[in-house]
């Protein structure tokens, strides 16, 4: 559980019965996520989200038992997407460690990949809720371990793989925390240097160019 729910379940209205429902569970979750990002968890309320979606709050109860259920599912969605996408990219097969790192970088340059604004909204939420804090700690650990495994698969000793994973992960989270306003081209101009810094190996020119091409296509 992630808090106390004080909103009571109303009787469903005729306009909210299956077949007449105006919005889906995913619509509610997406709207709740937008409110979480823009205004914080204290503003994630059934009435507020219903007004944003243009529906009465009774339709909410076709998908969620309570506000608390919504918060729990919202947290689970964050773990499934942000943590899941980062772990998946760290685990993609690659012939070299620099190519593997390029795979990892794809999830942070893809607008549909890692959502850093959502991540920081959850981090702020965790300051107020021990259960969310535990979920955040669990996710941070899982992400770091997945990156460490990426290095280990390419021959790095366990201790070195762990340190390189921490440096890479902390740098990536810190990059967003600083709210840097670099353009995509500025970031891409440093790819070769980043790859060498994080791995200790010089990337092949083709790996650098392939990543630049992919990054530009993902952000078009």
N, C-alpha and C. Protein backbone atom coordinates (compact mmCIF):
# COMPACT_ATOMS: atom_id res chain seq x y z
N UNK A 1 0.84 -1.19 0.00
CA UNK A 1 0.00 0.00 0.00
C UNK A 1 0.88 1.24 0.00
N UNK A 2 0.36 2.34 -0.56
CA UNK A 2 1.17 3.54 -0.65
C UNK A 2 0.46 4.76 -0.08
N UNK A 3 -0.39 4.55 0.91
CA UNK A 3 -1.07 5.69 1.50
C UNK A 3 -2.46 5.32 1.95
N UNK A 4 -3.26 6.29 2.34
CA UNK A 4 -4.62 6.04 2.80
C UNK A 4 -5.61 6.64 1.82
N UNK A 5 -6.59 5.86 1.44
CA UNK A 5 -7.59 6.30 0.47
C UNK A 5 -8.84 6.77 1.21
N UNK A 6 -9.25 7.99 0.94
CA UNK A 6 -10.42 8.54 1.62
C UNK A 6 -11.58 8.74 0.66
N UNK A 7 -11.40 8.40 -0.62
CA UNK A 7 -12.47 8.59 -1.59
C UNK A 7 -13.31 7.32 -1.63
N UNK A 8 -14.60 7.46 -1.44
CA UNK A 8 -15.52 6.32 -1.37
C UNK A 8 -16.07 5.98 -2.75
N UNK A 9 -16.39 4.71 -2.92
CA UNK A 9 -16.93 4.25 -4.20
C UNK A 9 -18.39 4.63 -4.34
N UNK A 10 -18.74 5.36 -5.41
CA UNK A 10 -20.14 5.70 -5.66
C UNK A 10 -20.81 4.61 -6.47
N UNK A 11 -22.12 4.70 -6.60
CA UNK A 11 -22.83 3.80 -7.49
C UNK A 11 -22.52 4.18 -8.93
N UNK A 12 -22.35 3.15 -9.78
CA UNK A 12 -22.06 3.42 -11.19
C UNK A 12 -23.26 4.07 -11.85
N UNK A 13 -22.99 5.03 -12.71
CA UNK A 13 -24.05 5.71 -13.46
C UNK A 13 -24.28 4.97 -14.76
N UNK A 14 -25.48 5.12 -15.32
CA UNK A 14 -25.82 4.41 -16.54
C UNK A 14 -24.85 4.72 -17.67
N UNK A 15 -24.40 5.99 -17.73
CA UNK A 15 -23.50 6.39 -18.81
C UNK A 15 -22.12 5.77 -18.66
N UNK A 16 -21.85 5.15 -17.48
CA UNK A 16 -20.54 4.57 -17.24
C UNK A 16 -20.55 3.06 -17.34
N UNK A 17 -21.68 2.46 -17.70
CA UNK A 17 -21.76 1.02 -17.79
C UNK A 17 -20.93 0.51 -18.98
N UNK A 18 -20.43 -0.75 -18.91
CA UNK A 18 -19.66 -1.30 -20.03
C UNK A 18 -20.41 -1.12 -21.34
N UNK A 19 -19.69 -0.71 -22.36
CA UNK A 19 -20.30 -0.42 -23.65
C UNK A 19 -20.53 1.06 -23.82
N UNK A 20 -20.68 1.79 -22.68
CA UNK A 20 -20.85 3.24 -22.75
C UNK A 20 -19.66 3.97 -22.13
N UNK A 21 -18.69 3.23 -21.60
CA UNK A 21 -17.56 3.85 -20.95
C UNK A 21 -16.76 4.68 -21.94
N UNK A 22 -16.48 5.90 -21.54
CA UNK A 22 -15.81 6.82 -22.44
C UNK A 22 -14.30 6.65 -22.45
N UNK A 23 -13.74 6.14 -21.38
CA UNK A 23 -12.30 6.02 -21.29
C UNK A 23 -11.91 4.62 -20.82
N UNK A 24 -10.67 4.24 -21.06
CA UNK A 24 -10.16 2.94 -20.69
C UNK A 24 -9.31 3.03 -19.42
N UNK A 25 -8.94 1.87 -18.91
CA UNK A 25 -8.03 1.83 -17.76
C UNK A 25 -6.72 2.55 -18.10
N UNK A 26 -6.23 2.33 -19.32
CA UNK A 26 -4.98 2.97 -19.73
C UNK A 26 -5.13 4.48 -19.78
N UNK A 27 -6.32 4.98 -20.16
CA UNK A 27 -6.56 6.43 -20.15
C UNK A 27 -6.45 6.98 -18.74
N UNK A 28 -7.05 6.29 -17.78
CA UNK A 28 -6.98 6.72 -16.38
C UNK A 28 -5.54 6.71 -15.90
N UNK A 29 -4.81 5.64 -16.20
CA UNK A 29 -3.42 5.56 -15.76
C UNK A 29 -2.56 6.63 -16.41
N UNK A 30 -2.76 6.87 -17.69
CA UNK A 30 -1.97 7.88 -18.39
C UNK A 30 -2.25 9.27 -17.82
N UNK A 31 -3.53 9.56 -17.58
CA UNK A 31 -3.87 10.86 -17.01
C UNK A 31 -3.32 11.01 -15.59
N UNK A 32 -3.39 9.93 -14.81
CA UNK A 32 -2.84 9.96 -13.46
C UNK A 32 -1.34 10.18 -13.50
N UNK A 33 -0.67 9.58 -14.46
CA UNK A 33 0.77 9.74 -14.62
C UNK A 33 1.11 11.19 -14.96
N UNK A 34 0.32 11.80 -15.82
CA UNK A 34 0.56 13.20 -16.19
C UNK A 34 0.40 14.11 -14.98
N UNK A 35 -0.61 13.84 -14.14
CA UNK A 35 -0.81 14.64 -12.94
C UNK A 35 0.33 14.43 -11.96
N UNK A 36 0.76 13.18 -11.80
CA UNK A 36 1.88 12.87 -10.92
C UNK A 36 3.12 13.65 -11.34
N UNK A 37 3.39 13.68 -12.63
CA UNK A 37 4.58 14.37 -13.14
C UNK A 37 4.47 15.88 -12.96
N UNK A 38 3.31 16.44 -13.26
CA UNK A 38 3.18 17.89 -13.25
C UNK A 38 2.92 18.48 -11.87
N UNK A 39 2.16 17.74 -11.02
CA UNK A 39 1.70 18.33 -9.76
C UNK A 39 2.03 17.52 -8.51
N UNK A 40 2.54 16.31 -8.67
CA UNK A 40 2.88 15.50 -7.51
C UNK A 40 1.76 14.57 -7.11
N UNK A 41 2.11 13.58 -6.27
CA UNK A 41 1.16 12.54 -5.91
C UNK A 41 -0.04 13.08 -5.14
N UNK A 42 0.13 14.16 -4.39
CA UNK A 42 -0.98 14.71 -3.61
C UNK A 42 -2.12 15.19 -4.50
N UNK A 43 -1.83 15.43 -5.78
CA UNK A 43 -2.86 15.89 -6.71
C UNK A 43 -3.47 14.76 -7.53
N UNK A 44 -2.98 13.55 -7.35
CA UNK A 44 -3.54 12.40 -8.07
C UNK A 44 -4.80 11.97 -7.35
N UNK A 45 -5.93 12.55 -7.75
CA UNK A 45 -7.22 12.29 -7.13
C UNK A 45 -8.24 11.94 -8.19
N UNK A 46 -9.20 11.14 -7.81
CA UNK A 46 -10.18 10.64 -8.76
C UNK A 46 -10.94 11.78 -9.42
N UNK A 47 -11.42 12.73 -8.63
CA UNK A 47 -12.18 13.84 -9.19
C UNK A 47 -11.34 14.68 -10.15
N UNK A 48 -10.09 14.92 -9.77
CA UNK A 48 -9.20 15.72 -10.61
C UNK A 48 -8.96 15.04 -11.96
N UNK A 49 -8.69 13.74 -11.91
CA UNK A 49 -8.41 13.01 -13.14
C UNK A 49 -9.66 12.86 -13.99
N UNK A 50 -10.79 12.61 -13.33
CA UNK A 50 -12.05 12.51 -14.06
C UNK A 50 -12.38 13.79 -14.80
N UNK A 51 -12.13 14.93 -14.15
CA UNK A 51 -12.37 16.21 -14.80
C UNK A 51 -11.45 16.39 -16.00
N UNK A 52 -10.22 15.95 -15.86
CA UNK A 52 -9.27 16.06 -16.97
C UNK A 52 -9.71 15.21 -18.15
N UNK A 53 -10.28 14.02 -17.84
CA UNK A 53 -10.73 13.12 -18.90
C UNK A 53 -12.13 13.46 -19.41
N UNK A 54 -12.85 14.30 -18.66
CA UNK A 54 -14.20 14.68 -19.07
C UNK A 54 -15.23 13.61 -18.79
N UNK A 55 -15.03 12.83 -17.72
CA UNK A 55 -15.98 11.79 -17.35
C UNK A 55 -16.29 11.90 -15.86
N UNK A 56 -17.43 11.33 -15.45
CA UNK A 56 -17.74 11.31 -14.03
C UNK A 56 -16.86 10.30 -13.33
N UNK A 57 -16.67 10.48 -12.06
CA UNK A 57 -15.72 9.61 -11.35
C UNK A 57 -16.21 8.18 -11.20
N UNK A 58 -17.50 7.94 -11.40
CA UNK A 58 -18.00 6.57 -11.25
C UNK A 58 -17.39 5.64 -12.29
N UNK A 59 -17.01 6.16 -13.47
CA UNK A 59 -16.38 5.29 -14.47
C UNK A 59 -15.04 4.77 -13.99
N UNK A 60 -14.42 5.51 -13.08
CA UNK A 60 -13.14 5.10 -12.51
C UNK A 60 -13.25 3.72 -11.87
N UNK A 61 -14.39 3.43 -11.24
CA UNK A 61 -14.53 2.22 -10.45
C UNK A 61 -14.79 0.96 -11.28
N UNK A 62 -14.85 1.11 -12.60
CA UNK A 62 -14.86 -0.08 -13.44
C UNK A 62 -13.46 -0.67 -13.53
N UNK A 63 -12.43 0.14 -13.26
CA UNK A 63 -11.06 -0.28 -13.43
C UNK A 63 -10.24 -0.34 -12.14
N UNK A 64 -10.66 0.42 -11.13
CA UNK A 64 -9.88 0.50 -9.89
C UNK A 64 -10.82 0.41 -8.70
N UNK A 65 -10.35 -0.23 -7.65
CA UNK A 65 -11.17 -0.36 -6.45
C UNK A 65 -11.21 0.91 -5.63
N UNK A 66 -10.16 1.71 -5.71
CA UNK A 66 -10.05 2.91 -4.89
C UNK A 66 -8.92 3.76 -5.43
N UNK A 67 -8.78 4.95 -4.86
CA UNK A 67 -7.62 5.78 -5.21
C UNK A 67 -6.33 5.05 -4.90
N UNK A 68 -6.30 4.33 -3.76
CA UNK A 68 -5.10 3.59 -3.39
C UNK A 68 -4.75 2.55 -4.44
N UNK A 69 -5.76 1.89 -4.98
CA UNK A 69 -5.53 0.91 -6.04
C UNK A 69 -4.91 1.58 -7.25
N UNK A 70 -5.39 2.77 -7.59
CA UNK A 70 -4.82 3.52 -8.70
C UNK A 70 -3.35 3.83 -8.43
N UNK A 71 -3.03 4.29 -7.22
CA UNK A 71 -1.64 4.61 -6.89
C UNK A 71 -0.76 3.36 -6.98
N UNK A 72 -1.28 2.24 -6.47
CA UNK A 72 -0.50 1.00 -6.54
C UNK A 72 -0.24 0.59 -7.99
N UNK A 73 -1.25 0.71 -8.83
CA UNK A 73 -1.09 0.33 -10.23
C UNK A 73 -0.20 1.33 -10.97
N UNK A 74 -0.27 2.59 -10.56
CA UNK A 74 0.58 3.61 -11.17
C UNK A 74 2.05 3.31 -10.86
N UNK A 75 2.33 2.92 -9.63
CA UNK A 75 3.69 2.57 -9.24
C UNK A 75 4.16 1.32 -9.99
N UNK A 76 3.27 0.35 -10.13
CA UNK A 76 3.61 -0.88 -10.86
C UNK A 76 3.89 -0.57 -12.33
N UNK A 77 3.14 0.36 -12.91
CA UNK A 77 3.36 0.75 -14.30
C UNK A 77 4.72 1.42 -14.46
N UNK A 78 5.09 2.26 -13.51
CA UNK A 78 6.42 2.88 -13.55
C UNK A 78 7.52 1.81 -13.50
N UNK A 79 7.38 0.82 -12.62
CA UNK A 79 8.38 -0.24 -12.54
C UNK A 79 8.42 -1.04 -13.84
N UNK A 80 7.25 -1.33 -14.40
CA UNK A 80 7.19 -2.13 -15.63
C UNK A 80 7.83 -1.39 -16.80
N UNK A 81 7.60 -0.10 -16.89
CA UNK A 81 8.10 0.66 -18.03
C UNK A 81 9.52 1.17 -17.79
N UNK A 82 9.70 2.11 -16.88
CA UNK A 82 11.03 2.71 -16.72
C UNK A 82 12.09 1.69 -16.33
N UNK A 83 11.82 0.91 -15.29
CA UNK A 83 12.81 -0.08 -14.88
C UNK A 83 12.88 -1.21 -15.90
N UNK A 84 11.74 -1.66 -16.38
CA UNK A 84 11.71 -2.74 -17.34
C UNK A 84 12.44 -2.42 -18.63
N UNK A 85 12.23 -1.20 -19.15
CA UNK A 85 12.86 -0.84 -20.42
C UNK A 85 14.37 -0.71 -20.26
N UNK A 86 14.83 -0.21 -19.12
CA UNK A 86 16.26 -0.07 -18.91
C UNK A 86 16.93 -1.44 -18.78
N UNK A 87 16.31 -2.34 -18.04
CA UNK A 87 16.86 -3.69 -17.89
C UNK A 87 16.86 -4.42 -19.24
N UNK A 88 15.79 -4.25 -20.01
CA UNK A 88 15.71 -4.92 -21.31
C UNK A 88 16.81 -4.44 -22.25
N UNK A 89 17.07 -3.14 -22.27
CA UNK A 89 18.11 -2.61 -23.16
C UNK A 89 19.51 -3.01 -22.71
N UNK A 90 19.72 -3.09 -21.41
CA UNK A 90 21.02 -3.54 -20.90
C UNK A 90 21.28 -4.99 -21.27
N UNK A 91 20.23 -5.75 -21.48
CA UNK A 91 20.37 -7.17 -21.77
C UNK A 91 20.38 -7.53 -23.24
N UNK A 92 20.28 -6.54 -24.13
CA UNK A 92 20.27 -6.84 -25.56
C UNK A 92 21.61 -7.41 -26.01
N UNK A 93 21.60 -8.40 -26.89
CA UNK A 93 22.87 -8.98 -27.36
C UNK A 93 23.67 -7.98 -28.18
N UNK A 94 24.99 -8.05 -28.05
CA UNK A 94 25.87 -7.15 -28.77
C UNK A 94 27.24 -7.80 -28.91
N UNK A 95 27.94 -7.54 -30.01
CA UNK A 95 29.25 -8.18 -30.23
C UNK A 95 30.37 -7.58 -29.39
N UNK A 96 30.22 -6.32 -28.96
CA UNK A 96 31.25 -5.64 -28.17
C UNK A 96 30.59 -4.88 -27.03
N UNK A 97 31.37 -4.51 -26.03
CA UNK A 97 30.81 -3.75 -24.92
C UNK A 97 30.38 -2.35 -25.36
N UNK A 98 31.08 -1.76 -26.33
CA UNK A 98 30.67 -0.44 -26.80
C UNK A 98 29.36 -0.52 -27.56
N UNK A 99 29.16 -1.60 -28.30
CA UNK A 99 27.87 -1.80 -28.98
C UNK A 99 26.78 -2.04 -27.96
N UNK A 100 27.10 -2.79 -26.89
CA UNK A 100 26.13 -3.03 -25.82
C UNK A 100 25.73 -1.73 -25.14
N UNK A 101 26.69 -0.86 -24.94
CA UNK A 101 26.40 0.43 -24.31
C UNK A 101 25.53 1.30 -25.22
N UNK A 102 25.77 1.20 -26.51
CA UNK A 102 24.90 1.91 -27.45
C UNK A 102 23.46 1.42 -27.34
N UNK A 103 23.29 0.10 -27.17
CA UNK A 103 21.94 -0.44 -26.97
C UNK A 103 21.30 0.17 -25.73
N UNK A 104 22.08 0.26 -24.67
CA UNK A 104 21.57 0.85 -23.43
C UNK A 104 21.19 2.31 -23.64
N UNK A 105 22.04 3.06 -24.33
CA UNK A 105 21.77 4.47 -24.57
C UNK A 105 20.49 4.70 -25.38
N UNK A 106 20.12 3.71 -26.18
CA UNK A 106 18.92 3.87 -27.00
C UNK A 106 17.68 4.11 -26.15
N UNK A 107 17.62 3.48 -24.96
CA UNK A 107 16.42 3.63 -24.14
C UNK A 107 16.30 5.01 -23.52
N UNK A 108 17.41 5.75 -23.43
CA UNK A 108 17.33 7.09 -22.83
C UNK A 108 17.20 8.20 -23.87
N UNK A 109 17.48 7.88 -25.14
CA UNK A 109 17.27 8.89 -26.17
C UNK A 109 15.91 8.73 -26.85
N UNK A 110 15.31 7.57 -26.73
CA UNK A 110 14.01 7.31 -27.34
C UNK A 110 12.91 7.96 -26.51
N UNK A 111 12.14 8.90 -27.08
CA UNK A 111 11.05 9.53 -26.33
C UNK A 111 10.04 8.52 -25.78
N UNK A 112 9.94 7.34 -26.39
CA UNK A 112 9.02 6.31 -25.93
C UNK A 112 9.70 5.32 -24.98
N UNK A 113 10.95 5.58 -24.65
CA UNK A 113 11.69 4.69 -23.76
C UNK A 113 11.64 5.17 -22.32
N UNK A 114 12.80 5.31 -21.72
CA UNK A 114 12.91 5.72 -20.33
C UNK A 114 12.35 7.14 -20.15
N UNK A 115 11.38 7.30 -19.25
CA UNK A 115 10.73 8.59 -19.00
C UNK A 115 11.36 9.22 -17.76
N UNK A 116 12.30 10.12 -17.96
CA UNK A 116 13.02 10.67 -16.80
C UNK A 116 12.13 11.58 -15.96
N UNK A 117 11.15 12.22 -16.56
CA UNK A 117 10.25 13.08 -15.79
C UNK A 117 9.40 12.24 -14.83
N UNK A 118 8.95 11.09 -15.31
CA UNK A 118 8.20 10.17 -14.45
C UNK A 118 9.11 9.64 -13.35
N UNK A 119 10.34 9.33 -13.70
CA UNK A 119 11.27 8.79 -12.71
C UNK A 119 11.47 9.77 -11.55
N UNK A 120 11.63 11.04 -11.87
CA UNK A 120 11.84 12.01 -10.81
C UNK A 120 10.57 12.32 -10.03
N UNK A 121 9.42 12.17 -10.68
CA UNK A 121 8.16 12.30 -9.95
C UNK A 121 8.03 11.19 -8.91
N UNK A 122 8.43 9.98 -9.28
CA UNK A 122 8.38 8.86 -8.34
C UNK A 122 9.41 9.07 -7.23
N UNK A 123 10.57 9.61 -7.56
CA UNK A 123 11.59 9.88 -6.53
C UNK A 123 11.08 10.91 -5.52
N UNK A 124 10.36 11.90 -6.00
CA UNK A 124 9.77 12.88 -5.09
C UNK A 124 8.68 12.24 -4.24
N UNK A 125 7.88 11.39 -4.85
CA UNK A 125 6.84 10.65 -4.14
C UNK A 125 7.46 9.80 -3.03
N UNK A 126 8.60 9.20 -3.32
CA UNK A 126 9.26 8.31 -2.36
C UNK A 126 9.72 9.05 -1.11
N UNK A 127 9.91 10.36 -1.20
CA UNK A 127 10.30 11.14 -0.03
C UNK A 127 9.20 11.13 1.04
N UNK A 128 7.97 10.86 0.61
CA UNK A 128 6.82 10.94 1.50
C UNK A 128 6.23 9.58 1.86
N UNK A 129 6.72 8.52 1.23
CA UNK A 129 6.07 7.22 1.37
C UNK A 129 7.13 6.12 1.43
N UNK A 130 7.18 5.40 2.54
CA UNK A 130 8.19 4.36 2.73
C UNK A 130 8.02 3.20 1.76
N UNK A 131 6.78 2.88 1.38
CA UNK A 131 6.56 1.79 0.44
C UNK A 131 7.09 2.15 -0.94
N UNK A 132 6.87 3.38 -1.35
CA UNK A 132 7.40 3.84 -2.63
C UNK A 132 8.92 3.90 -2.57
N UNK A 133 9.45 4.31 -1.43
CA UNK A 133 10.91 4.34 -1.25
C UNK A 133 11.50 2.95 -1.44
N UNK A 134 10.83 1.95 -0.88
CA UNK A 134 11.31 0.57 -1.02
C UNK A 134 11.26 0.12 -2.48
N UNK A 135 10.20 0.49 -3.20
CA UNK A 135 10.08 0.15 -4.61
C UNK A 135 11.16 0.84 -5.42
N UNK A 136 11.45 2.08 -5.08
CA UNK A 136 12.50 2.83 -5.78
C UNK A 136 13.87 2.21 -5.54
N UNK A 137 14.15 1.87 -4.29
CA UNK A 137 15.43 1.22 -3.98
C UNK A 137 15.56 -0.10 -4.73
N UNK A 138 14.47 -0.85 -4.78
CA UNK A 138 14.47 -2.13 -5.50
C UNK A 138 14.75 -1.91 -6.99
N UNK A 139 14.16 -0.90 -7.56
CA UNK A 139 14.36 -0.63 -8.98
C UNK A 139 15.78 -0.14 -9.26
N UNK A 140 16.29 0.75 -8.42
CA UNK A 140 17.66 1.23 -8.61
C UNK A 140 18.65 0.07 -8.56
N UNK A 141 18.44 -0.83 -7.62
CA UNK A 141 19.32 -2.00 -7.50
C UNK A 141 19.22 -2.89 -8.73
N UNK A 142 18.00 -3.14 -9.19
CA UNK A 142 17.79 -4.00 -10.36
C UNK A 142 18.42 -3.39 -11.60
N UNK A 143 18.31 -2.08 -11.76
CA UNK A 143 18.90 -1.41 -12.92
C UNK A 143 20.42 -1.52 -12.88
N UNK A 144 21.01 -1.21 -11.73
CA UNK A 144 22.46 -1.30 -11.60
C UNK A 144 22.96 -2.71 -11.86
N UNK A 145 22.26 -3.70 -11.32
CA UNK A 145 22.68 -5.09 -11.52
C UNK A 145 22.60 -5.49 -12.99
N UNK A 146 21.58 -5.03 -13.69
CA UNK A 146 21.45 -5.35 -15.11
C UNK A 146 22.60 -4.74 -15.91
N UNK A 147 22.99 -3.53 -15.55
CA UNK A 147 24.12 -2.88 -16.24
C UNK A 147 25.42 -3.59 -15.90
N UNK A 148 25.58 -3.97 -14.64
CA UNK A 148 26.78 -4.71 -14.23
C UNK A 148 26.88 -6.03 -14.99
N UNK A 149 25.76 -6.71 -15.17
CA UNK A 149 25.74 -7.96 -15.92
C UNK A 149 26.12 -7.73 -17.37
N UNK A 150 25.74 -6.57 -17.92
CA UNK A 150 26.12 -6.22 -19.28
C UNK A 150 27.64 -6.16 -19.39
N UNK A 151 28.29 -5.50 -18.44
CA UNK A 151 29.75 -5.43 -18.45
C UNK A 151 30.37 -6.81 -18.23
N UNK A 152 29.81 -7.57 -17.31
CA UNK A 152 30.35 -8.90 -17.00
C UNK A 152 30.30 -9.82 -18.22
N UNK A 153 29.24 -9.73 -19.00
CA UNK A 153 29.12 -10.58 -20.20
C UNK A 153 30.23 -10.30 -21.20
N UNK A 154 30.82 -9.12 -21.10
CA UNK A 154 31.89 -8.75 -22.03
C UNK A 154 33.27 -8.80 -21.38
N UNK A 155 33.38 -9.60 -20.34
CA UNK A 155 34.69 -9.94 -19.81
C UNK A 155 35.20 -9.12 -18.65
N UNK A 156 34.42 -8.20 -18.13
CA UNK A 156 34.87 -7.41 -16.99
C UNK A 156 34.73 -8.23 -15.71
N UNK A 157 35.72 -8.12 -14.83
CA UNK A 157 35.65 -8.82 -13.55
C UNK A 157 34.48 -8.27 -12.74
N UNK A 158 33.89 -9.08 -11.85
CA UNK A 158 32.69 -8.64 -11.10
C UNK A 158 32.84 -7.29 -10.41
N UNK A 159 33.95 -7.06 -9.72
CA UNK A 159 34.12 -5.80 -9.00
C UNK A 159 34.18 -4.62 -9.96
N UNK A 160 34.90 -4.78 -11.07
CA UNK A 160 34.99 -3.70 -12.05
C UNK A 160 33.65 -3.48 -12.74
N UNK A 161 32.95 -4.56 -13.05
CA UNK A 161 31.64 -4.44 -13.68
C UNK A 161 30.68 -3.68 -12.78
N UNK A 162 30.74 -3.95 -11.49
CA UNK A 162 29.89 -3.26 -10.52
C UNK A 162 30.19 -1.76 -10.49
N UNK A 163 31.47 -1.40 -10.43
CA UNK A 163 31.84 0.01 -10.36
C UNK A 163 31.47 0.74 -11.64
N UNK A 164 31.77 0.12 -12.78
CA UNK A 164 31.42 0.77 -14.05
C UNK A 164 29.90 0.94 -14.19
N UNK A 165 29.15 -0.03 -13.70
CA UNK A 165 27.69 0.08 -13.75
C UNK A 165 27.20 1.24 -12.89
N UNK A 166 27.78 1.37 -11.72
CA UNK A 166 27.38 2.48 -10.84
C UNK A 166 27.72 3.83 -11.44
N UNK A 167 28.91 3.94 -12.00
CA UNK A 167 29.31 5.21 -12.62
C UNK A 167 28.37 5.57 -13.76
N UNK A 168 28.06 4.59 -14.60
CA UNK A 168 27.18 4.83 -15.74
C UNK A 168 25.77 5.20 -15.27
N UNK A 169 25.24 4.44 -14.33
CA UNK A 169 23.87 4.69 -13.88
C UNK A 169 23.76 6.01 -13.13
N UNK A 170 24.69 6.27 -12.24
CA UNK A 170 24.64 7.53 -11.49
C UNK A 170 24.80 8.73 -12.42
N UNK A 171 25.64 8.58 -13.44
CA UNK A 171 25.82 9.68 -14.39
C UNK A 171 24.53 9.94 -15.15
N UNK A 172 23.85 8.86 -15.56
CA UNK A 172 22.63 9.04 -16.34
C UNK A 172 21.53 9.70 -15.52
N UNK A 173 21.36 9.25 -14.28
CA UNK A 173 20.35 9.86 -13.42
C UNK A 173 20.74 11.29 -13.08
N UNK A 174 22.02 11.52 -12.82
CA UNK A 174 22.50 12.87 -12.53
C UNK A 174 22.33 13.82 -13.69
N UNK A 175 22.48 13.31 -14.91
CA UNK A 175 22.30 14.13 -16.10
C UNK A 175 20.92 14.76 -16.10
N UNK A 176 19.91 13.95 -15.77
CA UNK A 176 18.54 14.47 -15.74
C UNK A 176 18.31 15.35 -14.53
N UNK A 177 18.94 15.01 -13.41
CA UNK A 177 18.76 15.82 -12.19
C UNK A 177 19.26 17.24 -12.40
N UNK A 178 20.29 17.39 -13.21
CA UNK A 178 20.85 18.72 -13.48
C UNK A 178 20.01 19.52 -14.47
N UNK A 179 19.05 18.83 -15.12
CA UNK A 179 18.16 19.47 -16.10
C UNK A 179 18.95 20.20 -17.18
N UNK A 180 19.95 19.52 -17.71
CA UNK A 180 20.76 20.10 -18.78
C UNK A 180 19.92 20.29 -20.04
N UNK A 181 20.24 21.31 -20.78
CA UNK A 181 19.44 21.65 -21.96
C UNK A 181 20.23 21.45 -23.25
N UNK A 182 21.02 20.40 -23.30
CA UNK A 182 21.78 20.11 -24.51
C UNK A 182 20.84 19.68 -25.63
N UNK A 183 21.20 20.05 -26.84
CA UNK A 183 20.47 19.55 -27.99
C UNK A 183 20.90 18.11 -28.27
N UNK A 184 20.14 17.42 -29.09
CA UNK A 184 20.50 16.05 -29.44
C UNK A 184 21.87 16.02 -30.11
N UNK A 185 22.13 16.97 -30.99
CA UNK A 185 23.41 16.97 -31.69
C UNK A 185 24.57 17.21 -30.73
N UNK A 186 24.36 18.03 -29.71
CA UNK A 186 25.41 18.21 -28.70
C UNK A 186 25.69 16.91 -27.98
N UNK A 187 24.65 16.20 -27.63
CA UNK A 187 24.83 14.92 -26.95
C UNK A 187 25.52 13.92 -27.87
N UNK A 188 25.11 13.87 -29.11
CA UNK A 188 25.70 12.92 -30.04
C UNK A 188 27.16 13.21 -30.32
N UNK A 189 27.55 14.49 -30.23
CA UNK A 189 28.94 14.84 -30.48
C UNK A 189 29.87 14.25 -29.43
N UNK A 190 29.31 13.85 -28.29
CA UNK A 190 30.12 13.31 -27.19
C UNK A 190 30.01 11.78 -27.06
N UNK A 191 29.27 11.15 -27.96
CA UNK A 191 29.04 9.71 -27.85
C UNK A 191 30.34 8.93 -27.83
N UNK A 192 31.24 9.22 -28.75
CA UNK A 192 32.49 8.47 -28.82
C UNK A 192 33.27 8.59 -27.51
N UNK A 193 33.33 9.80 -26.96
CA UNK A 193 34.03 10.00 -25.70
C UNK A 193 33.36 9.30 -24.54
N UNK A 194 32.03 9.34 -24.51
CA UNK A 194 31.30 8.64 -23.45
C UNK A 194 31.57 7.13 -23.51
N UNK A 195 31.53 6.58 -24.70
CA UNK A 195 31.74 5.14 -24.85
C UNK A 195 33.13 4.74 -24.34
N UNK A 196 34.12 5.54 -24.67
CA UNK A 196 35.48 5.24 -24.20
C UNK A 196 35.59 5.42 -22.69
N UNK A 197 35.01 6.48 -22.17
CA UNK A 197 35.07 6.76 -20.74
C UNK A 197 34.41 5.66 -19.93
N UNK A 198 33.24 5.21 -20.35
CA UNK A 198 32.48 4.23 -19.57
C UNK A 198 33.02 2.80 -19.70
N UNK A 199 33.68 2.51 -20.82
CA UNK A 199 34.13 1.14 -21.06
C UNK A 199 35.64 0.95 -21.02
N UNK A 200 36.40 2.03 -21.25
CA UNK A 200 37.84 1.90 -21.35
C UNK A 200 38.28 1.36 -22.70
N UNK A 201 37.34 1.27 -23.64
CA UNK A 201 37.65 0.76 -24.98
C UNK A 201 37.17 1.76 -26.02
N UNK A 202 37.95 1.91 -27.08
CA UNK A 202 37.56 2.80 -28.16
C UNK A 202 36.53 2.11 -29.05
N UNK A 203 35.42 2.77 -29.31
CA UNK A 203 34.40 2.16 -30.18
C UNK A 203 34.83 2.20 -31.64
N UNK A 204 34.31 1.27 -32.41
CA UNK A 204 34.54 1.30 -33.85
C UNK A 204 33.77 2.49 -34.42
N UNK A 205 34.34 3.18 -35.43
CA UNK A 205 33.63 4.32 -36.03
C UNK A 205 32.23 3.95 -36.50
N UNK A 206 32.06 2.72 -36.99
CA UNK A 206 30.74 2.31 -37.48
C UNK A 206 29.73 2.23 -36.34
N UNK A 207 30.18 1.85 -35.12
CA UNK A 207 29.28 1.79 -33.96
C UNK A 207 28.80 3.19 -33.59
N UNK A 208 29.70 4.15 -33.65
CA UNK A 208 29.33 5.53 -33.32
C UNK A 208 28.33 6.06 -34.34
N UNK A 209 28.61 5.84 -35.62
CA UNK A 209 27.73 6.35 -36.66
C UNK A 209 26.38 5.65 -36.65
N UNK A 210 26.37 4.35 -36.37
CA UNK A 210 25.10 3.62 -36.29
C UNK A 210 24.24 4.17 -35.17
N UNK A 211 24.86 4.45 -34.02
CA UNK A 211 24.08 4.98 -32.90
C UNK A 211 23.53 6.37 -33.24
N UNK A 212 24.33 7.21 -33.85
CA UNK A 212 23.87 8.55 -34.21
C UNK A 212 22.67 8.46 -35.15
N UNK A 213 22.76 7.56 -36.11
CA UNK A 213 21.67 7.40 -37.07
C UNK A 213 20.40 6.94 -36.37
N UNK A 214 20.53 5.96 -35.48
CA UNK A 214 19.37 5.44 -34.75
C UNK A 214 18.78 6.52 -33.84
N UNK A 215 19.63 7.25 -33.14
CA UNK A 215 19.16 8.28 -32.22
C UNK A 215 18.39 9.37 -32.96
N UNK A 216 18.89 9.77 -34.10
CA UNK A 216 18.20 10.80 -34.89
C UNK A 216 16.85 10.30 -35.39
N UNK A 217 16.81 9.02 -35.79
CA UNK A 217 15.53 8.47 -36.29
C UNK A 217 14.51 8.34 -35.18
N UNK A 218 14.95 8.06 -33.94
CA UNK A 218 14.04 7.89 -32.82
C UNK A 218 13.43 9.22 -32.37
N UNK A 219 14.12 10.30 -32.63
CA UNK A 219 13.66 11.61 -32.15
C UNK A 219 13.06 12.47 -33.25
N UNK A 220 12.91 11.93 -34.44
CA UNK A 220 12.31 12.70 -35.54
C UNK A 220 10.83 12.99 -35.27
